[in-house]
PDB file of N, CA and C in Angstrom:
ATOM      1  N   MET A   1       0.905  -1.182   0.074  1.00  0.00           N
ATOM      2  CA  MET A   1      -0.184   0.241  -0.176  1.00  0.00           C
ATOM      3  C   MET A   1       0.800   1.258   0.071  1.00  0.00           C
ATOM      4  N   GLU A   2       2.155   1.651   0.735  1.00  0.00           N
ATOM      5  CA  GLU A   2       2.973   2.624   0.652  1.00  0.00           C
ATOM      6  C   GLU A   2       3.353   2.785  -0.665  1.00  0.00           C
ATOM      7  N   ASN A   3       3.530   1.999  -1.567  1.00  0.00           N
ATOM      8  CA  ASN A   3       4.237   2.269  -3.128  1.00  0.00           C
ATOM      9  C   ASN A   3       3.478   2.574  -3.501  1.00  0.00           C
ATOM     10  N   TYR A   4       1.768   2.156  -3.683  1.00  0.00           N
ATOM     11  CA  TYR A   4       0.744   2.565  -3.907  1.00  0.00           C
ATOM     12  C   TYR A   4       0.814   4.039  -3.933  1.00  0.00           C
ATOM     13  N   ALA A   5       0.338   4.113  -2.537  1.00  0.00           N
ATOM     14  CA  ALA A   5       0.650   5.971  -2.674  1.00  0.00           C
ATOM     15  C   ALA A   5       2.070   6.953  -2.534  1.00  0.00           C
ATOM     16  N   ARG A   6       3.668   5.897  -2.625  1.00  0.00           N
ATOM     17  CA  ARG A   6       4.048   6.917  -3.452  1.00  0.00           C
ATOM     18  C   ARG A   6       3.867   7.250  -4.831  1.00  0.00           C
ATOM     19  N   LEU A   7       3.416   6.251  -5.641  1.00  0.00           N
ATOM     20  CA  LEU A   7       3.060   6.553  -7.036  1.00  0.00           C
ATOM     21  C   LEU A   7       2.304   7.307  -7.137  1.00  0.00           C
ATOM     22  N   PHE A   8       1.067   7.151  -6.367  1.00  0.00           N
ATOM     23  CA  PHE A   8      -0.173   8.017  -6.606  1.00  0.00           C
ATOM     24  C   PHE A   8       0.488   9.326  -6.291  1.00  0.00           C
ATOM     25  N   THR A   9       1.252   9.728  -5.451  1.00  0.00           N
ATOM     26  CA  THR A   9       1.753  10.823  -4.993  1.00  0.00           C
ATOM     27  C   THR A   9       2.873  11.260  -5.948  1.00  0.00           C
ATOM     28  N   LEU A  10       3.597  10.563  -6.165  1.00  0.00           N
ATOM     29  CA  LEU A  10       4.755  10.816  -7.510  1.00  0.00           C
ATOM     30  C   LEU A  10       4.264  11.317  -8.862  1.00  0.00           C
ATOM     31  N   LEU A  11       3.134  10.282  -9.562  1.00  0.00           N
ATOM     32  CA  LEU A  11       2.632  10.483 -10.745  1.00  0.00           C
ATOM     33  C   LEU A  11       1.287  11.003 -11.011  1.00  0.00           C
ATOM     34  N   GLY A  12       0.553  11.192  -9.499  1.00  0.00           N
ATOM     35  CA  GLY A  12      -0.606  11.222 -10.133  1.00  0.00           C
ATOM     36  C   GLY A  12      -1.847  10.559 -10.388  1.00  0.00           C
ATOM     37  N   PRO A  13      -2.806  10.393 -10.082  1.00  0.00           N
ATOM     38  CA  PRO A  13      -3.751   9.363 -10.122  1.00  0.00           C
ATOM     39  C   PRO A  13      -3.920   8.520 -11.907  1.00  0.00           C
ATOM     40  N   ALA A  14      -3.870   9.521 -12.667  1.00  0.00           N
ATOM     41  CA  ALA A  14      -4.222   9.142 -13.893  1.00  0.00           C
ATOM     42  C   ALA A  14      -3.252   8.449 -14.571  1.00  0.00           C
ATOM     43  N   ARG A  15      -1.983   8.912 -14.643  1.00  0.00           N
ATOM     44  CA  ARG A  15      -0.831   8.143 -14.546  1.00  0.00           C
ATOM     45  C   ARG A  15      -0.490   6.582 -13.635  1.00  0.00           C
ATOM     46  N   ALA A  16      -0.782   6.781 -12.717  1.00  0.00           N
ATOM     47  CA  ALA A  16       0.078   5.596 -11.685  1.00  0.00           C
ATOM     48  C   ALA A  16      -1.644   4.481 -12.185  1.00  0.00           C
ATOM     49  N   LYS A  17      -2.692   4.733 -12.235  1.00  0.00           N
ATOM     50  CA  LYS A  17      -3.457   3.951 -13.555  1.00  0.00           C
ATOM     51  C   LYS A  17      -3.042   3.343 -14.376  1.00  0.00           C
ATOM     52  N   ASP A  18      -2.997   4.132 -15.154  1.00  0.00           N
ATOM     53  CA  ASP A  18      -2.587   3.511 -16.391  1.00  0.00           C
ATOM     54  C   ASP A  18      -1.147   2.493 -16.443  1.00  0.00           C
ATOM     55  N   LEU A  19      -0.365   3.041 -15.079  1.00  0.00           N
ATOM     56  CA  LEU A  19       1.047   1.675 -15.554  1.00  0.00           C
ATOM     57  C   LEU A  19       0.862   0.856 -14.346  1.00  0.00           C
ATOM     58  N   LEU A  20      -0.530   0.546 -13.481  1.00  0.00           N
ATOM     59  CA  LEU A  20      -0.589  -0.180 -12.822  1.00  0.00           C
ATOM     60  C   LEU A  20      -1.643  -1.295 -12.718  1.00  0.00           C
ATOM     61  N   LEU A  21      -2.672  -0.495 -14.658  1.00  0.00           N
ATOM     62  CA  LEU A  21      -3.631  -1.241 -15.147  1.00  0.00           C
ATOM     63  C   LEU A  21      -3.342  -2.100 -15.989  1.00  0.00           C
ATOM     64  N   THR A  22      -2.117  -1.190 -17.246  1.00  0.00           N
ATOM     65  CA  THR A  22      -1.353  -2.228 -18.191  1.00  0.00           C
ATOM     66  C   THR A  22      -0.321  -2.602 -17.979  1.00  0.00           C
ATOM     67  N   ALA A  23       0.466  -2.607 -16.643  1.00  0.00           N
ATOM     68  CA  ALA A  23       1.760  -3.556 -16.303  1.00  0.00           C
ATOM     69  C   ALA A  23       2.403  -2.978 -17.490  1.00  0.00           C
ATOM     70  N   ARG A  24       2.979  -2.161 -18.043  1.00  0.00           N
ATOM     71  CA  ARG A  24       3.174  -1.485 -18.874  1.00  0.00           C
ATOM     72  C   ARG A  24       4.560  -0.787 -17.915  1.00  0.00           C
ATOM     73  N   LEU A  25       6.074  -1.083 -18.858  1.00  0.00           N
ATOM     74  CA  LEU A  25       6.915  -0.466 -18.000  1.00  0.00           C
ATOM     75  C   LEU A  25       7.324   0.598 -18.800  1.00  0.00           C
ATOM     76  N   MET A  26       7.961   1.838 -17.707  1.00  0.00           N
ATOM     77  CA  MET A  26       8.172   3.337 -18.660  1.00  0.00           C
ATOM     78  C   MET A  26       9.537   3.216 -18.649  1.00  0.00           C
ATOM     79  N   ASP A  27       9.577   3.843 -19.359  1.00  0.00           N
ATOM     80  CA  ASP A  27      11.859   4.066 -20.354  1.00  0.00           C
ATOM     81  C   ASP A  27      12.104   4.998 -19.427  1.00  0.00           C
ATOM     82  N   ALA A  28      13.307   4.818 -19.661  1.00  0.00           N
ATOM     83  CA  ALA A  28      14.555   6.186 -18.907  1.00  0.00           C
ATOM     84  C   ALA A  28      13.367   7.540 -19.162  1.00  0.00           C
ATOM     85  N   GLY A  29      13.515   7.975 -20.449  1.00  0.00           N
ATOM     86  CA  GLY A  29      12.805   9.321 -20.836  1.00  0.00           C
ATOM     87  C   GLY A  29      11.719   9.663 -20.050  1.00  0.00           C
ATOM     88  N   GLU A  30      10.589   8.617 -19.572  1.00  0.00           N
ATOM     89  CA  GLU A  30       9.037   8.929 -19.057  1.00  0.00           C
ATOM     90  C   GLU A  30       9.772   9.004 -17.812  1.00  0.00           C
ATOM     91  N   MET A  31      10.579   8.031 -17.129  1.00  0.00           N
ATOM     92  CA  MET A  31      10.225   8.645 -16.045  1.00  0.00           C
ATOM     93  C   MET A  31      11.335   9.795 -15.633  1.00  0.00           C
ATOM     94  N   LEU A  32      12.047  10.104 -15.993  1.00  0.00           N
ATOM     95  CA  LEU A  32      12.606  11.725 -16.333  1.00  0.00           C
ATOM     96  C   LEU A  32      11.466  12.443 -15.951  1.00  0.00           C
ATOM     97  N   ALA A  33      11.030  12.180 -17.477  1.00  0.00           N
ATOM     98  CA  ALA A  33      10.265  13.335 -17.266  1.00  0.00           C
ATOM     99  C   ALA A  33       8.831  13.654 -16.200  1.00  0.00           C
ATOM    100  N   CYS A  34       8.813  12.467 -15.329  1.00  0.00           N
ATOM    101  CA  CYS A  34       7.544  12.759 -14.611  1.00  0.00           C
ATOM    102  C   CYS A  34       7.918  12.690 -13.568  1.00  0.00           C
ATOM    103  N   GLY A  35       9.219  12.546 -12.876  1.00  0.00           N
ATOM    104  CA  GLY A  35      10.256  12.421 -11.952  1.00  0.00           C
ATOM    105  C   GLY A  35      10.200  11.764 -10.708  1.00  0.00           C
ATOM    106  N   LEU A  36      10.515  10.633 -11.997  1.00  0.00           N
ATOM    107  CA  LEU A  36      10.669   9.076 -10.772  1.00  0.00           C
ATOM    108  C   LEU A  36      12.312   9.360 -11.260  1.00  0.00           C
ATOM    109  N   ALA A  37      13.005   9.825 -11.688  1.00  0.00           N
ATOM    110  CA  ALA A  37      14.301   9.250 -11.781  1.00  0.00           C
ATOM    111  C   ALA A  37      14.681  11.085 -11.664  1.00  0.00           C
ATOM    112  N   ARG A  38      15.728  10.989 -11.425  1.00  0.00           N
ATOM    113  CA  ARG A  38      16.129  12.155 -11.500  1.00  0.00           C
ATOM    114  C   ARG A  38      17.032  12.879 -12.802  1.00  0.00           C
ATOM    115  N   GLU A  39      18.370  11.489 -13.405  1.00  0.00           N
ATOM    116  CA  GLU A  39      18.672  12.040 -13.795  1.00  0.00           C
ATOM    117  C   GLU A  39      18.800  10.222 -14.543  1.00  0.00           C
ATOM    118  N   VAL A  40      19.688  11.057 -16.000  1.00  0.00           N
ATOM    119  CA  VAL A  40      19.877   9.448 -16.806  1.00  0.00           C
ATOM    120  C   VAL A  40      21.165   9.814 -17.496  1.00  0.00           C
ATOM    121  N   VAL A  41      21.872   9.053 -16.921  1.00  0.00           N
ATOM    122  CA  VAL A  41      23.363   8.805 -17.353  1.00  0.00           C
ATOM    123  C   VAL A  41      23.659   8.281 -18.773  1.00  0.00           C
ATOM    124  N   PRO A  42      24.395   9.044 -20.074  1.00  0.00           N
ATOM    125  CA  PRO A  42      24.563   8.381 -21.169  1.00  0.00           C
ATOM    126  C   PRO A  42      24.326   6.770 -21.762  1.00  0.00           C
ATOM    127  N   ASP A  43      25.513   6.248 -20.886  1.00  0.00           N
ATOM    128  CA  ASP A  43      25.611   4.819 -20.839  1.00  0.00           C
ATOM    129  C   ASP A  43      26.085   4.133 -19.391  1.00  0.00           C
ATOM    130  N   GLU A  44      26.379   2.794 -19.813  1.00  0.00           N
ATOM    131  CA  GLU A  44      26.531   2.366 -18.446  1.00  0.00           C
ATOM    132  C   GLU A  44      28.027   2.942 -17.593  1.00  0.00           C
ATOM    133  N   GLU A  45      28.938   3.688 -18.397  1.00  0.00           N
ATOM    134  CA  GLU A  45      30.448   3.336 -18.204  1.00  0.00           C
ATOM    135  C   GLU A  45      30.283   4.745 -17.318  1.00  0.00           C
ATOM    136  N   ALA A  46      29.024   5.629 -18.044  1.00  0.00           N
ATOM    137  CA  ALA A  46      29.331   6.656 -16.907  1.00  0.00           C
ATOM    138  C   ALA A  46      28.440   6.481 -15.507  1.00  0.00           C
ATOM    139  N   LEU A  47      27.898   5.121 -15.308  1.00  0.00           N
ATOM    140  CA  LEU A  47      26.936   5.332 -14.126  1.00  0.00           C
ATOM    141  C   LEU A  47      27.647   5.381 -13.050  1.00  0.00           C
ATOM    142  N   LEU A  48      28.396   4.876 -12.847  1.00  0.00           N
ATOM    143  CA  LEU A  48      29.695   4.471 -11.187  1.00  0.00           C
ATOM    144  C   LEU A  48      30.580   6.121 -11.128  1.00  0.00           C
ATOM    145  N   PRO A  49      30.886   6.381 -12.489  1.00  0.00           N
ATOM    146  CA  PRO A  49      31.790   8.313 -11.824  1.00  0.00           C
ATOM    147  C   PRO A  49      30.335   8.935 -11.454  1.00  0.00           C
ATOM    148  N   ARG A  50      29.243   8.825 -12.104  1.00  0.00           N
ATOM    149  CA  ARG A  50      28.347   9.681 -11.589  1.00  0.00           C
ATOM    150  C   ARG A  50      27.531   9.423  -9.939  1.00  0.00           C
ATOM    151  N   ALA A  51      27.435   8.037  -9.637  1.00  0.00           N
ATOM    152  CA  ALA A  51      27.417   7.805  -8.754  1.00  0.00           C
ATOM    153  C   ALA A  51      28.280   8.262  -7.452  1.00  0.00           C
ATOM    154  N   GLN A  52      29.239   8.112  -8.056  1.00  0.00           N
ATOM    155  CA  GLN A  52      30.454   8.363  -6.971  1.00  0.00           C
ATOM    156  C   GLN A  52      30.497   9.945  -6.315  1.00  0.00           C
ATOM    157  N   GLU A  53      29.888  10.885  -7.250  1.00  0.00           N
ATOM    158  CA  GLU A  53      30.302  12.237  -8.072  1.00  0.00           C
ATOM    159  C   GLU A  53      28.469  12.746  -6.636  1.00  0.00           C
ATOM    160  N   LEU A  54      27.685  11.637  -6.892  1.00  0.00           N
ATOM    161  CA  LEU A  54      26.332  12.359  -5.934  1.00  0.00           C
ATOM    162  C   LEU A  54      26.602  11.967  -4.879  1.00  0.00           C
ATOM    163  N   ALA A  55      27.490  10.613  -4.692  1.00  0.00           N
ATOM    164  CA  ALA A  55      27.093  10.349  -3.053  1.00  0.00           C
ATOM    165  C   ALA A  55      28.299  11.457  -2.438  1.00  0.00           C
ATOM    166  N   GLU A  56      29.375  11.498  -3.386  1.00  0.00           N
ATOM    167  CA  GLU A  56      30.215  12.762  -2.236  1.00  0.00           C
ATOM    168  C   GLU A  56      29.441  14.306  -1.896  1.00  0.00           C
ATOM    169  N   GLU A  57      29.005  14.549  -2.679  1.00  0.00           N
ATOM    170  CA  GLU A  57      28.037  15.414  -2.802  1.00  0.00           C
ATOM    171  C   GLU A  57      27.450  15.550  -1.357  1.00  0.00           C
ATOM    172  N   LEU A  58      26.869  14.805  -1.573  1.00  0.00           N
ATOM    173  CA  LEU A  58      25.640  14.526  -0.259  1.00  0.00           C
ATOM    174  C   LEU A  58      26.273  14.027   1.299  1.00  0.00           C
ATOM    175  N   ALA A  59      27.672  13.846   1.077  1.00  0.00           N
ATOM    176  CA  ALA A  59      28.308  13.471   2.524  1.00  0.00           C
ATOM    177  C   ALA A  59      28.972  14.380   2.736  1.00  0.00           C
ATOM    178  N   ALA A  60      29.151  15.594   1.726  1.00  0.00           N
ATOM    179  CA  ALA A  60      29.344  16.932   2.317  1.00  0.00           C
ATOM    180  C   ALA A  60      28.307  18.002   2.713  1.00  0.00           C
ATOM    181  N   HIS A  61      27.600  17.470   3.234  1.00  0.00           N
ATOM    182  CA  HIS A  61      26.222  18.277   3.450  1.00  0.00           C
ATOM    183  C   HIS A  61      26.297  17.825   5.198  1.00  0.00           C
ATOM    184  N   ALA A  62      25.658  18.443   6.361  1.00  0.00           N
ATOM    185  CA  ALA A  62      25.631  18.433   7.027  1.00  0.00           C
ATOM    186  C   ALA A  62      24.583  17.756   7.896  1.00  0.00           C
ATOM    187  N   PRO A  63      25.600  16.543   8.355  1.00  0.00           N
ATOM    188  CA  PRO A  63      24.742  15.037   8.623  1.00  0.00           C
ATOM    189  C   PRO A  63      23.193  15.696   9.728  1.00  0.00           C
ATOM    190  N   LEU A  64      23.645  16.383  10.495  1.00  0.00           N
ATOM    191  CA  LEU A  64      22.308  16.452  11.152  1.00  0.00           C
ATOM    192  C   LEU A  64      20.761  17.254  10.211  1.00  0.00           C
ATOM    193  N   THR A  65      21.406  17.835   9.089  1.00  0.00           N
ATOM    194  CA  THR A  65      20.234  18.409   8.733  1.00  0.00           C
ATOM    195  C   THR A  65      19.799  17.347   7.595  1.00  0.00           C
ATOM    196  N   MET A  66      20.443  16.029   7.044  1.00  0.00           N
ATOM    197  CA  MET A  66      20.574  15.814   6.263  1.00  0.00           C
ATOM    198  C   MET A  66      19.325  14.350   7.173  1.00  0.00           C
ATOM    199  N   TRP A  67      19.863  14.418   8.176  1.00  0.00           N
ATOM    200  CA  TRP A  67      19.390  13.554   8.694  1.00  0.00           C
ATOM    201  C   TRP A  67      17.461  13.822   9.144  1.00  0.00           C
ATOM    202  N   ALA A  68      17.618  15.149   9.359  1.00  0.00           N
ATOM    203  CA  ALA A  68      16.251  15.994   9.850  1.00  0.00           C
ATOM    204  C   ALA A  68      15.196  15.775   8.890  1.00  0.00           C
ATOM    205  N   SER A  69      15.756  15.524   7.046  1.00  0.00           N
ATOM    206  CA  SER A  69      15.313  16.030   6.155  1.00  0.00           C
ATOM    207  C   SER A  69      14.835  14.196   5.948  1.00  0.00           C
ATOM    208  N   LYS A  70      15.255  14.046   5.977  1.00  0.00           N
ATOM    209  CA  LYS A  70      15.240  12.311   5.528  1.00  0.00           C
ATOM    210  C   LYS A  70      14.146  12.326   6.706  1.00  0.00           C
ATOM    211  N   GLU A  71      14.056  12.281   8.185  1.00  0.00           N
ATOM    212  CA  GLU A  71      12.680  11.738   9.226  1.00  0.00           C
ATOM    213  C   GLU A  71      11.542  12.748   9.157  1.00  0.00           C
ATOM    214  N   ALA A  72      11.879  14.141   8.388  1.00  0.00           N
ATOM    215  CA  ALA A  72      10.762  14.477   8.421  1.00  0.00           C
ATOM    216  C   ALA A  72       9.862  14.017   6.878  1.00  0.00           C
ATOM    217  N   MET A  73      10.387  13.512   5.875  1.00  0.00           N
ATOM    218  CA  MET A  73       9.802  12.979   4.949  1.00  0.00           C
ATOM    219  C   MET A  73       9.456  11.832   4.812  1.00  0.00           C
ATOM    220  N   ARG A  74       9.728  11.006   6.192  1.00  0.00           N
ATOM    221  CA  ARG A  74       9.231   9.529   6.526  1.00  0.00           C
ATOM    222  C   ARG A  74       8.124   9.827   7.472  1.00  0.00           C
ATOM    223  N   ARG A  75       8.558  10.993   8.387  1.00  0.00           N
ATOM    224  CA  ARG A  75       6.913  11.028   8.941  1.00  0.00           C
ATOM    225  C   ARG A  75       6.207  11.235   8.345  1.00  0.00           C
ATOM    226  N   LEU A  76       5.847  12.350   7.366  1.00  0.00           N
ATOM    227  CA  LEU A  76       4.768  12.472   6.680  1.00  0.00           C
ATOM    228  C   LEU A  76       4.415  11.550   5.405  1.00  0.00           C
ATOM    229  N   ARG A  77       5.519  10.797   4.793  1.00  0.00           N
ATOM    230  CA  ARG A  77       4.569   9.344   4.330  1.00  0.00           C
ATOM    231  C   ARG A  77       3.927   9.019   5.463  1.00  0.00           C
ATOM    232  N   ASP A  78       4.274   8.268   6.624  1.00  0.00           N
ATOM    233  CA  ASP A  78       3.751   7.502   7.642  1.00  0.00           C
ATOM    234  C   ASP A  78       2.059   8.437   7.476  1.00  0.00           C
ATOM    235  N   ARG A  79       2.511   9.667   7.973  1.00  0.00           N
ATOM    236  CA  ARG A  79       0.633  10.197   8.131  1.00  0.00           C
ATOM    237  C   ARG A  79       0.075   9.668   6.843  1.00  0.00           C
ATOM    238  N   LEU A  80       0.575   9.539   5.506  1.00  0.00           N
ATOM    239  CA  LEU A  80      -0.546   9.787   4.221  1.00  0.00           C
ATOM    240  C   LEU A  80      -1.321   8.108   4.299  1.00  0.00           C
ATOM    241  N   LEU A  81      -0.818   7.340   5.314  1.00  0.00           N
ATOM    242  CA  LEU A  81      -1.456   6.175   4.918  1.00  0.00           C
ATOM    243  C   LEU A  81      -1.364   5.338   6.420  1.00  0.00           C
ATOM    244  N   PRO A  82      -3.066   5.794   6.839  1.00  0.00           N
ATOM    245  CA  PRO A  82      -2.831   4.887   8.331  1.00  0.00           C
ATOM    246  C   PRO A  82      -2.960   3.430   8.094  1.00  0.00           C
ATOM    247  N   GLU A  83      -1.989   3.263   9.661  1.00  0.00           N
ATOM    248  CA  GLU A  83      -1.470   1.855  10.126  1.00  0.00           C
ATOM    249  C   GLU A  83      -2.579   0.377   9.182  1.00  0.00           C
ATOM    250  N   GLY A  84      -2.388  -0.460   8.807  1.00  0.00           N
ATOM    251  CA  GLY A  84      -3.143  -1.419   8.838  1.00  0.00           C
ATOM    252  C   GLY A  84      -4.427  -1.057   7.346  1.00  0.00           C
ATOM    253  N   ALA A  85      -3.621   0.005   6.993  1.00  0.00           N
ATOM    254  CA  ALA A  85      -5.356   0.730   5.535  1.00  0.00           C
ATOM    255  C   ALA A  85      -5.135  -1.058   4.462  1.00  0.00           C
ATOM    256  N   ASP A  86      -4.297  -1.343   4.486  1.00  0.00           N
ATOM    257  CA  ASP A  86      -4.005  -2.452   3.551  1.00  0.00           C
ATOM    258  C   ASP A  86      -4.148  -4.432   3.881  1.00  0.00           C
ATOM    259  N   SER A  87      -4.454  -4.045   5.112  1.00  0.00           N
ATOM    260  CA  SER A  87      -4.418  -5.835   5.344  1.00  0.00           C
ATOM    261  C   SER A  87      -5.003  -6.407   4.489  1.00  0.00           C
ATOM    262  N   ASP A  88      -6.624  -6.125   4.464  1.00  0.00           N
ATOM    263  CA  ASP A  88      -7.347  -6.676   3.854  1.00  0.00           C
ATOM    264  C   ASP A  88      -7.214  -6.986   2.135  1.00  0.00           C
ATOM    265  N   LEU A  89      -6.523  -6.081   1.517  1.00  0.00           N
ATOM    266  CA  LEU A  89      -6.075  -6.377  -0.295  1.00  0.00           C
ATOM    267  C   LEU A  89      -5.391  -7.428   0.306  1.00  0.00           C
ATOM    268  N   ILE A  90      -4.295  -6.774   1.153  1.00  0.00           N
ATOM    269  CA  ILE A  90      -2.973  -7.890   0.788  1.00  0.00           C
ATOM    270  C   ILE A  90      -3.586  -9.431   1.190  1.00  0.00           C
ATOM    271  N   LEU A  91      -4.457  -9.684   1.777  1.00  0.00           N
ATOM    272  CA  LEU A  91      -4.797 -11.099   2.129  1.00  0.00           C
ATOM    273  C   LEU A  91      -6.079 -11.715   1.141  1.00  0.00           C
ATOM    274  N   ALA A  92      -6.840 -10.212   0.587  1.00  0.00           N
ATOM    275  CA  ALA A  92      -7.562 -10.925  -0.313  1.00  0.00           C
ATOM    276  C   ALA A  92      -6.823 -11.325  -1.953  1.00  0.00           C
ATOM    277  N   CYS A  93      -5.663 -10.812  -2.162  1.00  0.00           N
ATOM    278  CA  CYS A  93      -4.746 -11.247  -3.552  1.00  0.00           C
ATOM    279  C   CYS A  93      -4.100 -12.625  -2.536  1.00  0.00           C
ATOM    280  N   TYR A  94      -2.959 -12.350  -1.837  1.00  0.00           N
ATOM    281  CA  TYR A  94      -1.716 -13.172  -1.628  1.00  0.00           C
ATOM    282  C   TYR A  94      -2.408 -14.155  -1.077  1.00  0.00           C
ATOM    283  N   LEU A  95      -3.994 -14.699  -0.471  1.00  0.00           N
ATOM    284  CA  LEU A  95      -4.551 -16.397   0.088  1.00  0.00           C
ATOM    285  C   LEU A  95      -5.154 -16.822  -0.972  1.00  0.00           C
ATOM    286  N   SER A  96      -5.646 -16.059  -2.098  1.00  0.00           N
ATOM    287  CA  SER A  96      -6.689 -16.431  -3.105  1.00  0.00           C
ATOM    288  C   SER A  96      -6.038 -17.455  -4.142  1.00  0.00           C
ATOM    289  N   ALA A  97      -6.591 -18.279  -5.328  1.00  0.00           N
ATOM    290  CA  ALA A  97      -6.896 -18.860  -6.016  1.00  0.00           C
ATOM    291  C   ALA A  97      -5.906 -18.776  -6.990  1.00  0.00           C
ATOM    292  N   ASP A  98      -6.294 -17.245  -7.198  1.00  0.00           N
ATOM    293  CA  ASP A  98      -5.541 -16.902  -8.495  1.00  0.00           C
ATOM    294  C   ASP A  98      -3.835 -16.680  -8.317  1.00  0.00           C
ATOM    295  N   PHE A  99      -3.793 -16.140  -6.966  1.00  0.00           N
ATOM    296  CA  PHE A  99      -2.099 -16.413  -6.554  1.00  0.00           C
ATOM    297  C   PHE A  99      -1.528 -17.482  -6.783  1.00  0.00           C
ATOM    298  N   LYS A 100      -2.182 -17.921  -5.895  1.00  0.00           N
ATOM    299  CA  LYS A 100      -1.244 -19.647  -6.413  1.00  0.00           C
ATOM    300  C   LYS A 100      -1.234 -20.033  -7.921  1.00  0.00           C
ATOM    301  N   GLU A 101      -2.369 -19.862  -8.824  1.00  0.00           N
ATOM    302  CA  GLU A 101      -2.164 -20.020 -10.035  1.00  0.00           C
ATOM    303  C   GLU A 101      -1.269 -19.147 -10.937  1.00  0.00           C
ATOM    304  N   GLY A 102      -0.796 -17.901 -10.316  1.00  0.00           N
ATOM    305  CA  GLY A 102       0.233 -17.122 -11.189  1.00  0.00           C
ATOM    306  C   GLY A 102       1.500 -17.480 -10.778  1.00  0.00           C
ATOM    307  N   VAL A 103       1.687 -18.363  -9.502  1.00  0.00           N
ATOM    308  CA  VAL A 103       3.254 -18.500  -9.206  1.00  0.00           C
ATOM    309  C   VAL A 103       3.027 -19.900  -9.583  1.00  0.00           C
ATOM    310  N   GLU A 104       2.402 -20.529 -10.100  1.00  0.00           N
ATOM    311  CA  GLU A 104       2.975 -22.230 -10.785  1.00  0.00           C
ATOM    312  C   GLU A 104       3.281 -21.516 -11.867  1.00  0.00           C
ATOM    313  N   ALA A 105       2.232 -20.977 -12.301  1.00  0.00           N
ATOM    314  CA  ALA A 105       2.610 -20.329 -14.007  1.00  0.00           C
ATOM    315  C   ALA A 105       3.649 -19.983 -13.989  1.00  0.00           C
ATOM    316  N   PHE A 106       4.431 -19.125 -13.634  1.00  0.00           N
ATOM    317  CA  PHE A 106       5.409 -18.446 -13.131  1.00  0.00           C
ATOM    318  C   PHE A 106       6.525 -19.569 -13.609  1.00  0.00           C
ATOM    319  N   LEU A 107       6.545 -20.565 -12.394  1.00  0.00           N
ATOM    320  CA  LEU A 107       7.691 -21.988 -12.086  1.00  0.00           C
ATOM    321  C   LEU A 107       7.685 -22.264 -13.681  1.00  0.00           C
ATOM    322  N   ALA A 108       6.048 -22.737 -14.200  1.00  0.00           N
ATOM    323  CA  ALA A 108       5.829 -23.489 -15.190  1.00  0.00           C
ATOM    324  C   ALA A 108       6.435 -22.566 -16.612  1.00  0.00           C
ATOM    325  N   LYS A 109       6.526 -21.337 -16.257  1.00  0.00           N
ATOM    326  CA  LYS A 109       7.222 -20.851 -17.618  1.00  0.00           C
ATOM    327  C   LYS A 109       5.929 -21.024 -18.449  1.00  0.00           C
ATOM    328  N   ARG A 110       4.647 -21.207 -18.208  1.00  0.00           N
ATOM    329  CA  ARG A 110       3.118 -20.758 -19.162  1.00  0.00           C
ATOM    330  C   ARG A 110       2.304 -19.247 -18.572  1.00  0.00           C
ATOM    331  N   LYS A 111       1.622 -19.106 -19.411  1.00  0.00           N
ATOM    332  CA  LYS A 111       0.375 -17.568 -19.238  1.00  0.00           C
ATOM    333  C   LYS A 111      -0.245 -18.303 -17.806  1.00  0.00           C
ATOM    334  N   PRO A 112      -0.448 -17.469 -17.016  1.00  0.00           N
ATOM    335  CA  PRO A 112      -1.485 -17.817 -16.265  1.00  0.00           C
ATOM    336  C   PRO A 112      -3.418 -18.108 -16.772  1.00  0.00           C
ATOM    337  N   GLU A 113      -3.899 -18.256 -16.049  1.00  0.00           N
ATOM    338  CA  GLU A 113      -5.196 -18.421 -16.623  1.00  0.00           C
ATOM    339  C   GLU A 113      -5.863 -17.934 -14.819  1.00  0.00           C
ATOM    340  N   TRP A 114      -6.384 -16.644 -15.368  1.00  0.00           N
ATOM    341  CA  TRP A 114      -6.862 -16.246 -14.044  1.00  0.00           C
ATOM    342  C   TRP A 114      -8.496 -16.190 -14.253  1.00  0.00           C
ATOM    343  N   ARG A 115      -9.152 -16.601 -12.758  1.00  0.00           N
ATOM    344  CA  ARG A 115     -10.540 -16.836 -12.728  1.00  0.00           C
ATOM    345  C   ARG A 115     -11.245 -15.845 -11.657  1.00  0.00           C
ATOM    346  N   GLY A 116     -10.235 -14.917 -10.801  1.00  0.00           N
ATOM    347  CA  GLY A 116     -10.758 -13.901  -9.894  1.00  0.00           C
ATOM    348  C   GLY A 116     -11.502 -14.526  -8.639  1.00  0.00           C
ATOM    349  N   GLU A 117     -10.679 -15.747  -7.852  1.00  0.00           N
ATOM    350  CA  GLU A 117     -11.087 -15.778  -7.223  1.00  0.00           C
ATOM    351  C   GLU A 117     -10.097 -16.584  -6.355  1.00  0.00           C
TER     352      GLU A 117
END
C-alpha cells in the first residue's frame, strides 16, 4: 500500500492507474519527465563515476540536516497512510486461488489462467 501511495503521489492518479492496470514499463525518458528519476546517464560507463560524484556531494552536507530532512519525509509519508489500511487487500490477493495460479504459471513458464478467485 505504501508503494501505491508513493506512486500515486509522484505520478498522479491517471498515470499511476495507467501503469498499474496495463502493467507497462516506463523508459528512462518517461521516468525522468515525470519525476521518478532525477537524472539519466548516457551509458553504463558513466554510471559509477556519476554515482560516486553524487555520493560525495551528499556526504559533504550537514549530517544532522540530512537526517532531519529524511526523518521529516518519513513522518509525512507515514501520515498519508493509516496503519493497517492495506491488510484486507493483501489477504484478498495473496491468499487467493489466482495468486497460487500465478506462482504456478510463473514456475512452469506458462501464461496464467486467471479466474478472479
